[in-house]
N, C-alpha and C. Protein backbone atom coordinates (compact mmCIF):
# COMPACT_ATOMS: atom_id res chain seq x y z
N UNK A 1 80.84 119.50 122.27
CA UNK A 1 81.45 118.49 122.43
C UNK A 1 82.26 117.87 124.12
N UNK A 2 82.68 116.60 124.07
CA UNK A 2 83.16 116.15 125.19
C UNK A 2 83.82 115.53 125.15
N UNK A 3 84.63 115.43 126.65
CA UNK A 3 85.69 114.59 126.58
C UNK A 3 86.02 113.45 125.78
N UNK A 4 85.15 112.45 125.35
CA UNK A 4 85.19 111.05 124.98
C UNK A 4 84.85 111.39 123.40
N UNK A 5 84.50 112.33 122.82
CA UNK A 5 84.56 112.60 121.51
C UNK A 5 86.01 112.47 120.81
N UNK A 6 87.08 112.45 121.11
CA UNK A 6 88.06 112.65 120.67
C UNK A 6 88.43 110.93 120.46
N UNK A 7 88.58 111.27 118.84
CA UNK A 7 88.79 109.66 118.08
C UNK A 7 89.66 109.84 116.86
N UNK A 8 90.97 108.95 117.55
CA UNK A 8 91.97 109.51 116.49
C UNK A 8 91.17 108.90 114.89
N UNK A 9 91.63 109.46 114.10
CA UNK A 9 90.95 108.97 112.63
C UNK A 9 92.16 108.04 111.98
N UNK A 10 93.66 108.32 111.91
CA UNK A 10 94.87 107.98 111.24
C UNK A 10 94.83 108.56 110.06
N UNK A 11 94.21 110.17 110.16
CA UNK A 11 94.39 111.07 108.66
C UNK A 11 94.79 112.19 109.32
N UNK A 12 96.42 112.58 108.20
CA UNK A 12 96.88 113.49 108.77
C UNK A 12 95.78 114.89 108.29
N UNK A 13 95.55 115.74 109.64
CA UNK A 13 95.49 117.43 108.91
C UNK A 13 96.19 118.52 108.86
N UNK A 14 96.95 118.25 107.71
CA UNK A 14 98.18 119.05 107.54
C UNK A 14 97.92 120.47 108.01
N UNK A 15 98.68 121.59 107.96
CA UNK A 15 98.24 122.60 108.14
C UNK A 15 99.76 123.69 107.85
N UNK A 16 99.34 125.06 107.25
CA UNK A 16 100.87 126.07 106.91
C UNK A 16 101.84 126.12 107.95
N UNK A 17 102.81 126.12 107.54
CA UNK A 17 104.15 126.46 108.86
C UNK A 17 103.98 127.74 109.03
N UNK A 18 103.04 128.99 108.29
CA UNK A 18 102.58 129.76 109.30
C UNK A 18 101.57 129.83 109.64
N UNK A 19 100.68 128.98 110.01
CA UNK A 19 99.46 128.87 110.94
C UNK A 19 100.33 128.05 112.33
N UNK A 20 99.51 128.73 113.55
CA UNK A 20 100.41 128.56 114.79
C UNK A 20 98.69 128.46 115.05
N UNK A 21 98.88 127.36 115.90
CA UNK A 21 97.86 126.84 117.05
C UNK A 21 97.67 127.52 118.28
N UNK A 22 96.97 127.88 119.17
CA UNK A 22 97.13 129.37 119.76
C UNK A 22 95.69 128.74 121.11
N UNK A 23 95.71 128.25 121.96
CA UNK A 23 94.65 128.04 122.84
C UNK A 23 94.47 128.69 124.32
N UNK A 24 93.96 129.43 125.18
CA UNK A 24 94.48 129.62 126.17
C UNK A 24 93.82 129.21 126.94
N UNK A 25 93.80 128.88 128.69
CA UNK A 25 93.27 128.48 129.39
C UNK A 25 92.89 128.81 130.83
N UNK A 26 92.13 128.80 131.65
CA UNK A 26 92.39 129.26 132.67
C UNK A 26 93.16 128.42 134.19
N UNK A 27 93.45 129.30 134.99
CA UNK A 27 94.15 127.90 135.91
C UNK A 27 93.44 126.59 136.41
N UNK A 28 91.97 126.73 136.02
CA UNK A 28 91.57 125.16 136.08
C UNK A 28 91.57 124.64 135.26
N UNK A 29 91.94 124.89 133.97
CA UNK A 29 92.07 123.89 132.50
C UNK A 29 91.08 124.59 131.71
N UNK A 30 90.07 125.19 131.99
CA UNK A 30 88.97 125.46 131.18
C UNK A 30 89.61 126.46 129.92
N UNK A 31 89.21 126.26 128.67
CA UNK A 31 89.55 126.96 127.40
C UNK A 31 88.75 128.48 127.60
N UNK A 32 89.63 129.00 127.46
CA UNK A 32 88.81 130.58 127.20
C UNK A 32 89.51 131.30 125.95
N UNK A 33 90.48 130.71 125.06
CA UNK A 33 90.00 131.15 123.74
C UNK A 33 90.75 130.09 123.14
N UNK A 34 90.28 130.01 121.81
CA UNK A 34 90.94 129.38 121.01
C UNK A 34 90.86 130.27 119.28
N UNK A 35 91.99 130.13 118.78
CA UNK A 35 92.22 130.61 117.14
C UNK A 35 91.14 129.99 116.05
N UNK A 36 91.15 130.33 115.35
CA UNK A 36 90.72 129.40 114.19
C UNK A 36 91.67 128.12 113.69
N UNK A 37 92.62 128.15 113.58
CA UNK A 37 93.53 127.43 113.26
C UNK A 37 93.04 125.94 114.13
N UNK A 38 92.94 126.40 115.34
CA UNK A 38 93.03 125.06 116.21
C UNK A 38 91.34 124.72 115.99
N UNK A 39 90.63 125.70 116.11
CA UNK A 39 89.11 125.38 115.56
C UNK A 39 88.82 124.24 114.48
N UNK A 40 89.51 124.60 113.09
CA UNK A 40 89.86 123.80 112.43
C UNK A 40 90.52 122.26 112.34
N UNK A 41 91.59 122.40 112.52
CA UNK A 41 91.90 121.29 113.13
C UNK A 41 90.87 120.37 114.20
N UNK A 42 90.37 120.62 115.26
CA UNK A 42 89.68 120.00 116.11
C UNK A 42 88.41 119.69 115.34
N UNK A 43 88.06 120.40 113.99
CA UNK A 43 86.67 120.29 113.85
C UNK A 43 85.78 120.56 114.59
N UNK A 44 85.70 121.76 115.07
CA UNK A 44 84.83 122.62 115.93
C UNK A 44 84.25 123.93 115.99
N UNK A 45 83.66 124.44 116.90
CA UNK A 45 83.59 125.48 116.82
C UNK A 45 84.22 126.69 117.83
N UNK A 46 84.15 127.51 117.78
CA UNK A 46 84.85 127.82 119.02
C UNK A 46 84.19 127.86 120.69
N UNK A 47 82.61 128.05 120.01
CA UNK A 47 81.62 128.43 121.29
C UNK A 47 81.73 126.22 121.85
N UNK A 48 81.79 125.51 120.97
CA UNK A 48 81.93 124.16 121.35
C UNK A 48 83.03 123.71 122.50
N UNK A 49 84.23 124.68 122.76
CA UNK A 49 85.36 124.44 123.46
C UNK A 49 85.70 125.52 124.69
N UNK A 50 84.83 126.73 124.37
CA UNK A 50 85.48 127.56 125.44
C UNK A 50 84.40 127.22 126.67
N UNK A 51 85.08 126.93 127.50
CA UNK A 51 84.11 127.10 128.71
C UNK A 51 84.94 125.28 129.37
N UNK A 52 85.14 124.70 128.30
CA UNK A 52 85.65 123.41 128.31
C UNK A 52 87.10 122.75 129.25
N UNK A 53 87.00 121.95 129.45
CA UNK A 53 88.22 121.31 130.05
C UNK A 53 89.38 121.36 129.32
N UNK A 54 90.39 121.72 128.57
CA UNK A 54 91.49 121.38 127.78
C UNK A 54 91.71 120.26 126.61
N UNK A 55 91.24 119.15 127.88
CA UNK A 55 91.74 117.85 127.22
C UNK A 55 90.64 117.52 126.68
N UNK A 56 89.32 117.96 125.90
CA UNK A 56 88.57 117.70 125.11
C UNK A 56 89.20 117.71 123.73
N UNK A 57 89.97 118.22 123.32
CA UNK A 57 90.82 117.95 122.23
C UNK A 57 92.32 117.56 122.03
N UNK A 58 92.96 117.13 123.31
CA UNK A 58 93.97 116.11 123.80
C UNK A 58 94.01 114.81 123.03
N UNK A 59 94.93 114.85 122.19
CA UNK A 59 94.75 112.96 121.45
C UNK A 59 95.29 112.43 122.13
N UNK A 60 94.39 111.35 122.33
CA UNK A 60 94.80 110.19 123.60
C UNK A 60 96.16 109.71 123.74
N UNK A 61 96.93 109.70 122.86
CA UNK A 61 98.28 109.17 122.94
C UNK A 61 99.43 110.69 123.42
N UNK A 62 98.79 111.57 123.31
CA UNK A 62 99.54 112.52 124.05
C UNK A 62 100.47 112.49 125.87
N UNK A 63 101.24 111.97 125.68
CA UNK A 63 101.90 111.89 127.01
C UNK A 63 100.99 112.70 128.22
N UNK A 64 100.90 111.94 129.37
CA UNK A 64 100.32 113.54 130.42
C UNK A 64 101.45 114.17 131.06
N UNK A 65 102.87 113.52 130.53
CA UNK A 65 103.72 114.53 131.45
C UNK A 65 103.82 115.66 130.86
N UNK A 66 103.69 115.61 129.09
CA UNK A 66 103.83 117.18 128.58
C UNK A 66 102.93 117.75 129.17
N UNK A 67 101.71 117.85 129.66
CA UNK A 67 100.68 118.56 130.27
C UNK A 67 101.13 119.07 131.32
N UNK A 68 102.24 118.29 132.67
CA UNK A 68 102.36 118.55 133.60
C UNK A 68 103.83 119.71 133.16
N UNK A 69 104.29 119.54 132.23
CA UNK A 69 105.66 120.45 131.73
C UNK A 69 104.99 122.22 131.35
N UNK A 70 103.31 121.87 130.57
CA UNK A 70 102.61 123.20 130.24
C UNK A 70 102.47 123.28 131.49
N UNK A 71 101.35 123.28 132.39
CA UNK A 71 100.84 123.97 133.78
C UNK A 71 102.19 124.34 134.49
N UNK A 72 103.66 123.97 134.60
CA UNK A 72 104.29 124.18 134.93
C UNK A 72 104.78 125.69 134.42
N UNK A 73 104.56 125.85 133.15
CA UNK A 73 104.60 127.03 132.42
C UNK A 73 103.85 127.85 132.55
N UNK A 74 102.47 127.80 132.84
CA UNK A 74 101.61 128.68 132.55
C UNK A 74 101.10 129.00 133.95
N UNK A 75 101.46 128.22 135.36
CA UNK A 75 101.82 128.80 136.59
C UNK A 75 102.96 129.54 136.66
N UNK A 76 104.09 129.76 135.74
CA UNK A 76 105.40 130.44 135.96
C UNK A 76 104.59 131.55 135.26
N UNK A 77 103.63 132.15 134.63
CA UNK A 77 103.50 132.88 133.82
C UNK A 77 104.51 133.21 132.50
N UNK A 78 104.86 131.90 131.87
CA UNK A 78 105.34 131.58 130.79
C UNK A 78 104.40 131.29 129.70
N UNK A 79 105.12 131.28 128.64
CA UNK A 79 104.21 130.88 127.54
C UNK A 79 105.02 129.42 126.60
N UNK A 80 104.52 128.65 125.87
CA UNK A 80 104.97 127.49 125.10
C UNK A 80 105.03 127.27 123.76
N UNK A 81 105.87 127.96 123.26
CA UNK A 81 105.94 128.11 121.88
C UNK A 81 106.47 126.81 121.22
N UNK A 82 106.06 126.01 120.12
CA UNK A 82 106.77 125.11 119.43
C UNK A 82 106.94 125.74 117.92
N UNK A 83 108.25 125.39 117.56
CA UNK A 83 108.98 125.93 116.18
C UNK A 83 109.09 125.04 115.55
N UNK A 84 108.65 124.69 114.18
CA UNK A 84 109.02 123.64 113.05
C UNK A 84 110.18 123.60 113.00
N UNK A 85 110.99 122.23 112.58
CA UNK A 85 112.39 122.59 112.29
C UNK A 85 112.93 123.04 111.02
């Protein structure tokens, strides 16, 4: 899996409101952990993601400013949670 493999399909991949997408990175942005939910949504095995930069699974339309917020939280040793409405 490489950074250039992210190609939007305009096909929604729904998942349960009880599913939680979990990934962890080191301070250099390399993926150290992914759960089954993110593997399913990314259509990739854990082994394809571990050690790679997190942006290999970033949708190209995701604003970079979101990642600035994420890194601020990570550096402050805080977690990010998104709750469904």
